[in-house]
Amino acid sequence: MPVKDEIEAALRTAFTVERLEVEDVSEAHRGHAGHREGGETHFDVAITAPEFAGLSRVAKHRAVHSALGAGLIGRIHALSLDIAP
């Protein structure tokens, strides 16, 4: 399964997702640290879910990282997050 699909599945399982956009932006980072042929290293994620209401920015990021799990996070070089309640 592509990493993009793994990210989407994990976030939909962990949160009551109202909006979710996951974009593989790896090609834009060709030649930079962490880039691998075939992509799947750099992702932009925009998510809206009520579980984020009242959380600090750091707490939101921790919640997403926890939902993705260490195994998946370990395979991603860069993850840009736009999180809203």
N, C-alpha and C. Protein backbone atom coordinates (compact mmCIF):
# COMPACT_ATOMS: atom_id res chain seq x y z
N MET A 1 0.85 -1.18 0.00
CA MET A 1 0.00 0.00 0.00
C MET A 1 0.89 1.24 0.00
N PRO A 2 0.57 2.21 -0.83
CA PRO A 2 1.35 3.45 -0.84
C PRO A 2 1.31 4.14 0.53
N VAL A 3 2.40 4.81 0.86
CA VAL A 3 2.48 5.52 2.15
C VAL A 3 1.35 6.53 2.28
N LYS A 4 1.01 7.22 1.21
CA LYS A 4 -0.09 8.19 1.24
C LYS A 4 -1.37 7.51 1.73
N ASP A 5 -1.66 6.33 1.22
CA ASP A 5 -2.86 5.60 1.63
C ASP A 5 -2.77 5.14 3.09
N GLU A 6 -1.58 4.76 3.53
CA GLU A 6 -1.38 4.37 4.92
C GLU A 6 -1.65 5.56 5.86
N ILE A 7 -1.16 6.74 5.47
CA ILE A 7 -1.38 7.94 6.27
C ILE A 7 -2.87 8.22 6.37
N GLU A 8 -3.55 8.21 5.22
CA GLU A 8 -4.99 8.48 5.21
C GLU A 8 -5.75 7.49 6.07
N ALA A 9 -5.45 6.21 5.93
CA ALA A 9 -6.16 5.17 6.70
C ALA A 9 -5.93 5.34 8.20
N ALA A 10 -4.70 5.60 8.59
CA ALA A 10 -4.39 5.76 10.02
C ALA A 10 -5.12 6.95 10.62
N LEU A 11 -5.15 8.06 9.89
CA LEU A 11 -5.79 9.26 10.41
C LEU A 11 -7.32 9.11 10.44
N ARG A 12 -7.88 8.46 9.45
CA ARG A 12 -9.33 8.23 9.45
C ARG A 12 -9.75 7.27 10.57
N THR A 13 -8.86 6.35 10.92
CA THR A 13 -9.15 5.42 12.02
C THR A 13 -9.07 6.13 13.36
N ALA A 14 -8.11 7.03 13.52
CA ALA A 14 -7.86 7.66 14.81
C ALA A 14 -8.77 8.85 15.11
N PHE A 15 -9.24 9.54 14.08
CA PHE A 15 -9.99 10.78 14.27
C PHE A 15 -11.31 10.77 13.51
N THR A 16 -12.22 11.64 13.93
CA THR A 16 -13.48 11.85 13.23
C THR A 16 -13.20 12.91 12.16
N VAL A 17 -12.70 12.47 11.04
CA VAL A 17 -12.18 13.38 10.01
C VAL A 17 -13.31 14.10 9.28
N GLU A 18 -13.21 15.42 9.27
CA GLU A 18 -14.14 16.24 8.50
C GLU A 18 -13.51 16.66 7.17
N ARG A 19 -12.20 16.82 7.18
CA ARG A 19 -11.45 17.16 5.96
C ARG A 19 -10.09 16.51 6.08
N LEU A 20 -9.64 15.87 5.00
CA LEU A 20 -8.32 15.27 4.99
C LEU A 20 -7.73 15.34 3.59
N GLU A 21 -6.57 15.95 3.50
CA GLU A 21 -5.84 16.03 2.24
C GLU A 21 -4.41 15.58 2.52
N VAL A 22 -3.96 14.57 1.81
CA VAL A 22 -2.59 14.08 1.96
C VAL A 22 -1.95 14.15 0.58
N GLU A 23 -0.86 14.89 0.50
CA GLU A 23 -0.18 15.07 -0.78
C GLU A 23 1.29 14.65 -0.65
N ASP A 24 1.71 13.79 -1.57
CA ASP A 24 3.11 13.38 -1.64
C ASP A 24 3.85 14.46 -2.41
N VAL A 25 4.69 15.22 -1.72
CA VAL A 25 5.43 16.32 -2.34
C VAL A 25 6.91 15.98 -2.47
N SER A 26 7.21 14.70 -2.48
CA SER A 26 8.59 14.23 -2.51
C SER A 26 9.37 14.75 -3.71
N GLU A 27 8.74 14.79 -4.87
CA GLU A 27 9.44 15.20 -6.08
C GLU A 27 9.97 16.62 -5.97
N ALA A 28 9.29 17.46 -5.23
CA ALA A 28 9.73 18.85 -5.04
C ALA A 28 11.00 18.91 -4.20
N HIS A 29 11.37 17.81 -3.58
CA HIS A 29 12.54 17.78 -2.71
C HIS A 29 13.68 16.96 -3.30
N ARG A 30 13.59 16.67 -4.59
CA ARG A 30 14.66 15.93 -5.28
C ARG A 30 15.99 16.64 -5.04
N GLY A 31 16.98 15.88 -4.65
CA GLY A 31 18.30 16.43 -4.39
C GLY A 31 18.50 16.91 -2.96
N HIS A 32 17.43 16.94 -2.18
CA HIS A 32 17.52 17.36 -0.78
C HIS A 32 17.66 16.13 0.12
N ALA A 33 17.98 16.38 1.35
CA ALA A 33 18.13 15.30 2.33
C ALA A 33 16.85 14.49 2.43
N GLY A 34 17.00 13.20 2.50
CA GLY A 34 15.88 12.31 2.72
C GLY A 34 15.13 11.89 1.47
N HIS A 35 15.42 12.50 0.33
CA HIS A 35 14.72 12.12 -0.90
C HIS A 35 15.19 10.75 -1.36
N ARG A 36 14.22 9.92 -1.77
CA ARG A 36 14.53 8.61 -2.34
C ARG A 36 13.83 8.52 -3.69
N GLU A 37 14.43 7.80 -4.61
CA GLU A 37 13.77 7.55 -5.89
C GLU A 37 12.44 6.85 -5.62
N GLY A 38 11.42 7.24 -6.32
CA GLY A 38 10.11 6.66 -6.11
C GLY A 38 9.25 7.48 -5.17
N GLY A 39 9.83 8.47 -4.52
CA GLY A 39 9.06 9.35 -3.64
C GLY A 39 8.70 8.72 -2.32
N GLU A 40 7.55 9.12 -1.81
CA GLU A 40 7.03 8.64 -0.54
C GLU A 40 7.93 8.98 0.64
N THR A 41 8.53 10.18 0.59
CA THR A 41 9.40 10.62 1.68
C THR A 41 8.95 11.94 2.31
N HIS A 42 8.27 12.77 1.55
CA HIS A 42 7.85 14.10 2.00
C HIS A 42 6.35 14.25 1.75
N PHE A 43 5.61 14.61 2.81
CA PHE A 43 4.15 14.72 2.70
C PHE A 43 3.64 15.99 3.33
N ASP A 44 2.62 16.55 2.70
CA ASP A 44 1.83 17.65 3.26
C ASP A 44 0.49 17.07 3.66
N VAL A 45 0.08 17.30 4.91
CA VAL A 45 -1.19 16.78 5.40
C VAL A 45 -2.01 17.94 5.96
N ALA A 46 -3.26 18.04 5.51
CA ALA A 46 -4.22 18.99 6.07
C ALA A 46 -5.36 18.16 6.63
N ILE A 47 -5.67 18.35 7.90
CA ILE A 47 -6.71 17.58 8.54
C ILE A 47 -7.55 18.47 9.45
N THR A 48 -8.85 18.23 9.41
CA THR A 48 -9.79 18.89 10.32
C THR A 48 -10.57 17.80 11.02
N ALA A 49 -10.58 17.86 12.35
CA ALA A 49 -11.32 16.88 13.15
C ALA A 49 -11.64 17.51 14.50
N PRO A 50 -12.79 17.22 15.06
CA PRO A 50 -13.18 17.82 16.33
C PRO A 50 -12.26 17.45 17.50
N GLU A 51 -11.56 16.34 17.40
CA GLU A 51 -10.66 15.92 18.48
C GLU A 51 -9.54 16.92 18.74
N PHE A 52 -9.28 17.81 17.78
CA PHE A 52 -8.20 18.78 17.93
C PHE A 52 -8.63 20.05 18.65
N ALA A 53 -9.92 20.21 18.89
CA ALA A 53 -10.43 21.42 19.55
C ALA A 53 -9.80 21.57 20.93
N GLY A 54 -9.30 22.74 21.21
CA GLY A 54 -8.74 23.05 22.51
C GLY A 54 -7.31 22.58 22.74
N LEU A 55 -6.75 21.86 21.78
CA LEU A 55 -5.37 21.38 21.92
C LEU A 55 -4.37 22.44 21.44
N SER A 56 -3.22 22.46 22.06
CA SER A 56 -2.15 23.34 21.60
C SER A 56 -1.60 22.79 20.28
N ARG A 57 -0.85 23.61 19.59
CA ARG A 57 -0.24 23.18 18.33
C ARG A 57 0.61 21.94 18.54
N VAL A 58 1.39 21.93 19.60
CA VAL A 58 2.26 20.78 19.89
C VAL A 58 1.44 19.54 20.19
N ALA A 59 0.37 19.69 20.95
CA ALA A 59 -0.49 18.55 21.28
C ALA A 59 -1.16 17.98 20.02
N LYS A 60 -1.54 18.84 19.10
CA LYS A 60 -2.14 18.39 17.83
C LYS A 60 -1.13 17.57 17.04
N HIS A 61 0.09 18.07 16.95
CA HIS A 61 1.13 17.36 16.21
C HIS A 61 1.43 16.01 16.87
N ARG A 62 1.50 16.01 18.18
CA ARG A 62 1.74 14.75 18.90
C ARG A 62 0.63 13.74 18.65
N ALA A 63 -0.61 14.21 18.61
CA ALA A 63 -1.75 13.32 18.36
C ALA A 63 -1.65 12.70 16.97
N VAL A 64 -1.29 13.50 15.98
CA VAL A 64 -1.15 12.96 14.62
C VAL A 64 0.00 11.96 14.56
N HIS A 65 1.13 12.32 15.14
CA HIS A 65 2.28 11.40 15.14
C HIS A 65 1.93 10.10 15.84
N SER A 66 1.21 10.18 16.93
CA SER A 66 0.80 8.99 17.66
C SER A 66 -0.13 8.13 16.80
N ALA A 67 -1.06 8.76 16.11
CA ALA A 67 -1.98 8.03 15.24
C ALA A 67 -1.26 7.32 14.10
N LEU A 68 -0.22 7.96 13.58
CA LEU A 68 0.53 7.35 12.48
C LEU A 68 1.42 6.21 12.97
N GLY A 69 1.92 6.32 14.19
CA GLY A 69 2.75 5.28 14.76
C GLY A 69 4.21 5.40 14.36
N ALA A 70 5.06 4.87 15.20
CA ALA A 70 6.51 4.97 15.00
C ALA A 70 6.98 4.33 13.70
N GLY A 71 6.37 3.21 13.33
CA GLY A 71 6.78 2.52 12.11
C GLY A 71 6.58 3.35 10.87
N LEU A 72 5.42 3.97 10.75
CA LEU A 72 5.13 4.80 9.59
C LEU A 72 5.91 6.11 9.65
N ILE A 73 5.96 6.74 10.79
CA ILE A 73 6.73 7.98 10.94
C ILE A 73 8.20 7.75 10.59
N GLY A 74 8.73 6.59 10.95
CA GLY A 74 10.12 6.27 10.66
C GLY A 74 10.43 6.15 9.18
N ARG A 75 9.41 5.95 8.36
CA ARG A 75 9.61 5.81 6.91
C ARG A 75 9.42 7.13 6.17
N ILE A 76 8.99 8.17 6.89
CA ILE A 76 8.74 9.48 6.29
C ILE A 76 9.88 10.42 6.70
N HIS A 77 10.44 11.12 5.73
CA HIS A 77 11.52 12.06 6.06
C HIS A 77 10.95 13.40 6.56
N ALA A 78 9.88 13.88 5.92
CA ALA A 78 9.32 15.18 6.28
C ALA A 78 7.80 15.13 6.22
N LEU A 79 7.17 15.69 7.24
CA LEU A 79 5.72 15.70 7.33
C LEU A 79 5.28 17.10 7.73
N SER A 80 4.62 17.78 6.80
CA SER A 80 4.09 19.12 7.06
C SER A 80 2.63 18.97 7.46
N LEU A 81 2.25 19.56 8.60
CA LEU A 81 0.90 19.38 9.12
C LEU A 81 0.15 20.71 9.22
N ASP A 82 -1.07 20.71 8.71
CA ASP A 82 -2.01 21.81 8.86
C ASP A 82 -3.21 21.20 9.56
N ILE A 83 -3.37 21.49 10.86
CA ILE A 83 -4.37 20.81 11.70
C ILE A 83 -5.36 21.84 12.23
N ALA A 84 -6.66 21.50 12.06
CA ALA A 84 -7.71 22.39 12.55
C ALA A 84 -8.79 21.59 13.26
N PRO A 85 -9.42 22.20 14.26
CA PRO A 85 -10.54 21.51 14.94
C PRO A 85 -11.80 21.54 14.10
